[in-house]
Every structure is written in C-alpha cells, then in structure tokens.
Amino acid sequence: MAIYKFVEIKGGKRTEKFQTPDIKRALRFHKWYIAKYKQGLLFEIGEEK
C-alpha cells in the first residue's frame, strides 16, 4: 500500500505537511494548500512499512 506525502523544503529544512494512503484526499489537500498559500509542495510516494 502506498503512502502519499507532501513536504515543504525551505532553507534546507524538510517539513512534512500531510500524509495519507488515499490519493484523492492527497490531491484535494494540495489543491486547498495552493489556493490558501499560493505555493506548491513536494509530492512523495512511498511504501507503507
């Protein structure tokens, strides 16, 4: 099962903003985040351990 994460990298610091196993929820979050903050996030896909 995949885990979808959104990460912000600012000034060399990596901050995890959101994670979920549901791709639709992840994309909805990113759309909301862009509308609110006018910036995007790094999208990572990883395996759940």
PDB file of N, CA and C in Angstrom:
ATOM      1  N   MET A   1       0.846  -1.173   0.000  1.00  0.00           N
ATOM      2  CA  MET A   1       0.000   0.000   0.000  1.00  0.00           C
ATOM      3  C   MET A   1       0.895   1.241   0.000  1.00  0.00           C
ATOM      4  N   ALA A   2       0.513   2.230  -0.779  1.00  0.00           N
ATOM      5  CA  ALA A   2       1.317   3.443  -0.925  1.00  0.00           C
ATOM      6  C   ALA A   2       0.890   4.502   0.090  1.00  0.00           C
ATOM      7  N   ILE A   3       1.854   5.295   0.500  1.00  0.00           N
ATOM      8  CA  ILE A   3       1.606   6.459   1.356  1.00  0.00           C
ATOM      9  C   ILE A   3       2.006   7.687   0.533  1.00  0.00           C
ATOM     10  N   TYR A   4       1.101   8.649   0.454  1.00  0.00           N
ATOM     11  CA  TYR A   4       1.337   9.877  -0.289  1.00  0.00           C
ATOM     12  C   TYR A   4       1.648  10.982   0.707  1.00  0.00           C
ATOM     13  N   LYS A   5       2.749  11.698   0.470  1.00  0.00           N
ATOM     14  CA  LYS A   5       3.193  12.742   1.394  1.00  0.00           C
ATOM     15  C   LYS A   5       3.434  14.037   0.643  1.00  0.00           C
ATOM     16  N   PHE A   6       3.139  15.141   1.316  1.00  0.00           N
ATOM     17  CA  PHE A   6       3.501  16.459   0.805  1.00  0.00           C
ATOM     18  C   PHE A   6       4.507  17.052   1.773  1.00  0.00           C
ATOM     19  N   VAL A   7       5.614  17.525   1.218  1.00  0.00           N
ATOM     20  CA  VAL A   7       6.730  18.013   2.012  1.00  0.00           C
ATOM     21  C   VAL A   7       7.103  19.415   1.542  1.00  0.00           C
ATOM     22  N   GLU A   8       7.428  20.277   2.494  1.00  0.00           N
ATOM     23  CA  GLU A   8       7.932  21.612   2.186  1.00  0.00           C
ATOM     24  C   GLU A   8       9.420  21.632   2.512  1.00  0.00           C
ATOM     25  N   ILE A   9      10.224  22.115   1.579  1.00  0.00           N
ATOM     26  CA  ILE A   9      11.660  22.265   1.819  1.00  0.00           C
ATOM     27  C   ILE A   9      11.964  23.753   1.737  1.00  0.00           C
ATOM     28  N   LYS A  10      12.337  24.308   2.872  1.00  0.00           N
ATOM     29  CA  LYS A  10      12.595  25.745   2.953  1.00  0.00           C
ATOM     30  C   LYS A  10      13.866  25.959   3.767  1.00  0.00           C
ATOM     31  N   GLY A  11      14.838  26.596   3.173  1.00  0.00           N
ATOM     32  CA  GLY A  11      16.087  26.882   3.869  1.00  0.00           C
ATOM     33  C   GLY A  11      16.843  25.634   4.294  1.00  0.00           C
ATOM     34  N   GLY A  12      16.711  24.565   3.511  1.00  0.00           N
ATOM     35  CA  GLY A  12      17.395  23.322   3.831  1.00  0.00           C
ATOM     36  C   GLY A  12      16.674  22.460   4.853  1.00  0.00           C
ATOM     37  N   LYS A  13      15.556  22.959   5.378  1.00  0.00           N
ATOM     38  CA  LYS A  13      14.775  22.177   6.345  1.00  0.00           C
ATOM     39  C   LYS A  13      13.617  21.503   5.634  1.00  0.00           C
ATOM     40  N   ARG A  14      13.418  20.231   5.944  1.00  0.00           N
ATOM     41  CA  ARG A  14      12.347  19.434   5.337  1.00  0.00           C
ATOM     42  C   ARG A  14      11.223  19.298   6.358  1.00  0.00           C
ATOM     43  N   THR A  15      10.035  19.805   6.014  1.00  0.00           N
ATOM     44  CA  THR A  15       8.889  19.750   6.915  1.00  0.00           C
ATOM     45  C   THR A  15       7.770  18.985   6.233  1.00  0.00           C
ATOM     46  N   GLU A  16       7.338  17.889   6.864  1.00  0.00           N
ATOM     47  CA  GLU A  16       6.235  17.108   6.313  1.00  0.00           C
ATOM     48  C   GLU A  16       4.924  17.802   6.659  1.00  0.00           C
ATOM     49  N   LYS A  17       4.119  18.113   5.647  1.00  0.00           N
ATOM     50  CA  LYS A  17       2.881  18.850   5.841  1.00  0.00           C
ATOM     51  C   LYS A  17       1.661  17.936   5.914  1.00  0.00           C
ATOM     52  N   PHE A  18       1.678  16.807   5.184  1.00  0.00           N
ATOM     53  CA  PHE A  18       0.486  15.983   5.090  1.00  0.00           C
ATOM     54  C   PHE A  18       0.876  14.596   4.604  1.00  0.00           C
ATOM     55  N   GLN A  19       0.186  13.567   5.105  1.00  0.00           N
ATOM     56  CA  GLN A  19       0.380  12.221   4.573  1.00  0.00           C
ATOM     57  C   GLN A  19      -0.918  11.432   4.701  1.00  0.00           C
ATOM     58  N   THR A  20      -1.175  10.576   3.701  1.00  0.00           N
ATOM     59  CA  THR A  20      -2.387   9.778   3.672  1.00  0.00           C
ATOM     60  C   THR A  20      -2.202   8.608   2.707  1.00  0.00           C
ATOM     61  N   PRO A  21      -2.931   7.527   2.900  1.00  0.00           N
ATOM     62  CA  PRO A  21      -2.901   6.435   1.921  1.00  0.00           C
ATOM     63  C   PRO A  21      -3.899   6.639   0.774  1.00  0.00           C
ATOM     64  N   ASP A  22      -4.708   7.699   0.823  1.00  0.00           N
ATOM     65  CA  ASP A  22      -5.756   7.952  -0.171  1.00  0.00           C
ATOM     66  C   ASP A  22      -5.313   9.038  -1.163  1.00  0.00           C
ATOM     67  N   ILE A  23      -5.143   8.679  -2.438  1.00  0.00           N
ATOM     68  CA  ILE A  23      -4.648   9.627  -3.440  1.00  0.00           C
ATOM     69  C   ILE A  23      -5.626  10.777  -3.663  1.00  0.00           C
ATOM     70  N   LYS A  24      -6.920  10.505  -3.648  1.00  0.00           N
ATOM     71  CA  LYS A  24      -7.899  11.576  -3.874  1.00  0.00           C
ATOM     72  C   LYS A  24      -7.847  12.609  -2.752  1.00  0.00           C
ATOM     73  N   ARG A  25      -7.705  12.151  -1.530  1.00  0.00           N
ATOM     74  CA  ARG A  25      -7.600  13.072  -0.394  1.00  0.00           C
ATOM     75  C   ARG A  25      -6.317  13.903  -0.479  1.00  0.00           C
ATOM     76  N   ALA A  26      -5.228  13.265  -0.900  1.00  0.00           N
ATOM     77  CA  ALA A  26      -3.951  13.967  -1.039  1.00  0.00           C
ATOM     78  C   ALA A  26      -4.051  15.078  -2.087  1.00  0.00           C
ATOM     79  N   LEU A  27      -4.683  14.784  -3.216  1.00  0.00           N
ATOM     80  CA  LEU A  27      -4.799  15.791  -4.267  1.00  0.00           C
ATOM     81  C   LEU A  27      -5.733  16.923  -3.853  1.00  0.00           C
ATOM     82  N   ARG A  28      -6.792  16.609  -3.099  1.00  0.00           N
ATOM     83  CA  ARG A  28      -7.689  17.646  -2.581  1.00  0.00           C
ATOM     84  C   ARG A  28      -6.942  18.569  -1.614  1.00  0.00           C
ATOM     85  N   PHE A  29      -6.105  17.971  -0.747  1.00  0.00           N
ATOM     86  CA  PHE A  29      -5.314  18.765   0.192  1.00  0.00           C
ATOM     87  C   PHE A  29      -4.384  19.708  -0.567  1.00  0.00           C
ATOM     88  N   HIS A  30      -3.706  19.197  -1.596  1.00  0.00           N
ATOM     89  CA  HIS A  30      -2.761  20.020  -2.331  1.00  0.00           C
ATOM     90  C   HIS A  30      -3.472  21.172  -3.042  1.00  0.00           C
ATOM     91  N   LYS A  31      -4.631  20.916  -3.612  1.00  0.00           N
ATOM     92  CA  LYS A  31      -5.416  21.973  -4.258  1.00  0.00           C
ATOM     93  C   LYS A  31      -5.789  23.061  -3.244  1.00  0.00           C
ATOM     94  N   TRP A  32      -6.219  22.654  -2.050  1.00  0.00           N
ATOM     95  CA  TRP A  32      -6.559  23.598  -0.992  1.00  0.00           C
ATOM     96  C   TRP A  32      -5.326  24.393  -0.558  1.00  0.00           C
ATOM     97  N   TYR A  33      -4.194  23.702  -0.381  1.00  0.00           N
ATOM     98  CA  TYR A  33      -2.963  24.348   0.080  1.00  0.00           C
ATOM     99  C   TYR A  33      -2.488  25.409  -0.909  1.00  0.00           C
ATOM    100  N   ILE A  34      -2.536  25.104  -2.201  1.00  0.00           N
ATOM    101  CA  ILE A  34      -2.126  26.061  -3.228  1.00  0.00           C
ATOM    102  C   ILE A  34      -3.033  27.285  -3.208  1.00  0.00           C
ATOM    103  N   ALA A  35      -4.343  27.073  -3.078  1.00  0.00           N
ATOM    104  CA  ALA A  35      -5.284  28.191  -3.056  1.00  0.00           C
ATOM    105  C   ALA A  35      -5.051  29.090  -1.842  1.00  0.00           C
ATOM    106  N   LYS A  36      -4.727  28.494  -0.709  1.00  0.00           N
ATOM    107  CA  LYS A  36      -4.547  29.268   0.518  1.00  0.00           C
ATOM    108  C   LYS A  36      -3.191  29.968   0.585  1.00  0.00           C
ATOM    109  N   TYR A  37      -2.110  29.255   0.283  1.00  0.00           N
ATOM    110  CA  TYR A  37      -0.754  29.779   0.482  1.00  0.00           C
ATOM    111  C   TYR A  37      -0.049  30.230  -0.793  1.00  0.00           C
ATOM    112  N   LYS A  38      -0.635  29.991  -1.948  1.00  0.00           N
ATOM    113  CA  LYS A  38      -0.060  30.414  -3.241  1.00  0.00           C
ATOM    114  C   LYS A  38       1.332  29.842  -3.474  1.00  0.00           C
ATOM    115  N   GLN A  39       1.555  28.622  -3.013  1.00  0.00           N
ATOM    116  CA  GLN A  39       2.807  27.907  -3.277  1.00  0.00           C
ATOM    117  C   GLN A  39       2.537  26.415  -3.257  1.00  0.00           C
ATOM    118  N   GLY A  40       3.352  25.669  -3.960  1.00  0.00           N
ATOM    119  CA  GLY A  40       3.182  24.224  -4.036  1.00  0.00           C
ATOM    120  C   GLY A  40       4.061  23.500  -3.035  1.00  0.00           C
ATOM    121  N   LEU A  41       3.863  22.193  -2.971  1.00  0.00           N
ATOM    122  CA  LEU A  41       4.645  21.332  -2.091  1.00  0.00           C
ATOM    123  C   LEU A  41       5.250  20.191  -2.906  1.00  0.00           C
ATOM    124  N   LEU A  42       6.287  19.598  -2.387  1.00  0.00           N
ATOM    125  CA  LEU A  42       6.909  18.426  -2.997  1.00  0.00           C
ATOM    126  C   LEU A  42       6.043  17.209  -2.695  1.00  0.00           C
ATOM    127  N   PHE A  43       5.720  16.427  -3.713  1.00  0.00           N
ATOM    128  CA  PHE A  43       4.869  15.259  -3.578  1.00  0.00           C
ATOM    129  C   PHE A  43       5.733  14.012  -3.586  1.00  0.00           C
ATOM    130  N   GLU A  44       5.625  13.186  -2.548  1.00  0.00           N
ATOM    131  CA  GLU A  44       6.391  11.941  -2.452  1.00  0.00           C
ATOM    132  C   GLU A  44       5.446  10.756  -2.351  1.00  0.00           C
ATOM    133  N   ILE A  45       5.833   9.664  -2.974  1.00  0.00           N
ATOM    134  CA  ILE A  45       5.068   8.429  -2.877  1.00  0.00           C
ATOM    135  C   ILE A  45       6.001   7.385  -2.294  1.00  0.00           C
ATOM    136  N   GLY A  46       5.579   6.783  -1.179  1.00  0.00           N
ATOM    137  CA  GLY A  46       6.400   5.773  -0.528  1.00  0.00           C
ATOM    138  C   GLY A  46       5.587   4.553  -0.168  1.00  0.00           C
ATOM    139  N   GLU A  47       6.254   3.503   0.198  1.00  0.00           N
ATOM    140  CA  GLU A  47       5.596   2.284   0.637  1.00  0.00           C
ATOM    141  C   GLU A  47       5.356   2.310   2.124  1.00  0.00           C
ATOM    142  N   GLU A  48       4.180   1.849   2.538  1.00  0.00           N
ATOM    143  CA  GLU A  48       3.871   1.761   3.964  1.00  0.00           C
ATOM    144  C   GLU A  48       4.627   0.580   4.546  1.00  0.00           C
ATOM    145  N   LYS A  49       5.207   0.772   5.705  1.00  0.00           N
ATOM    146  CA  LYS A  49       6.013  -0.293   6.330  1.00  0.00           C
ATOM    147  C   LYS A  49       5.202  -1.054   7.346  1.00  0.00           C
TER     148      LYS A  49
END
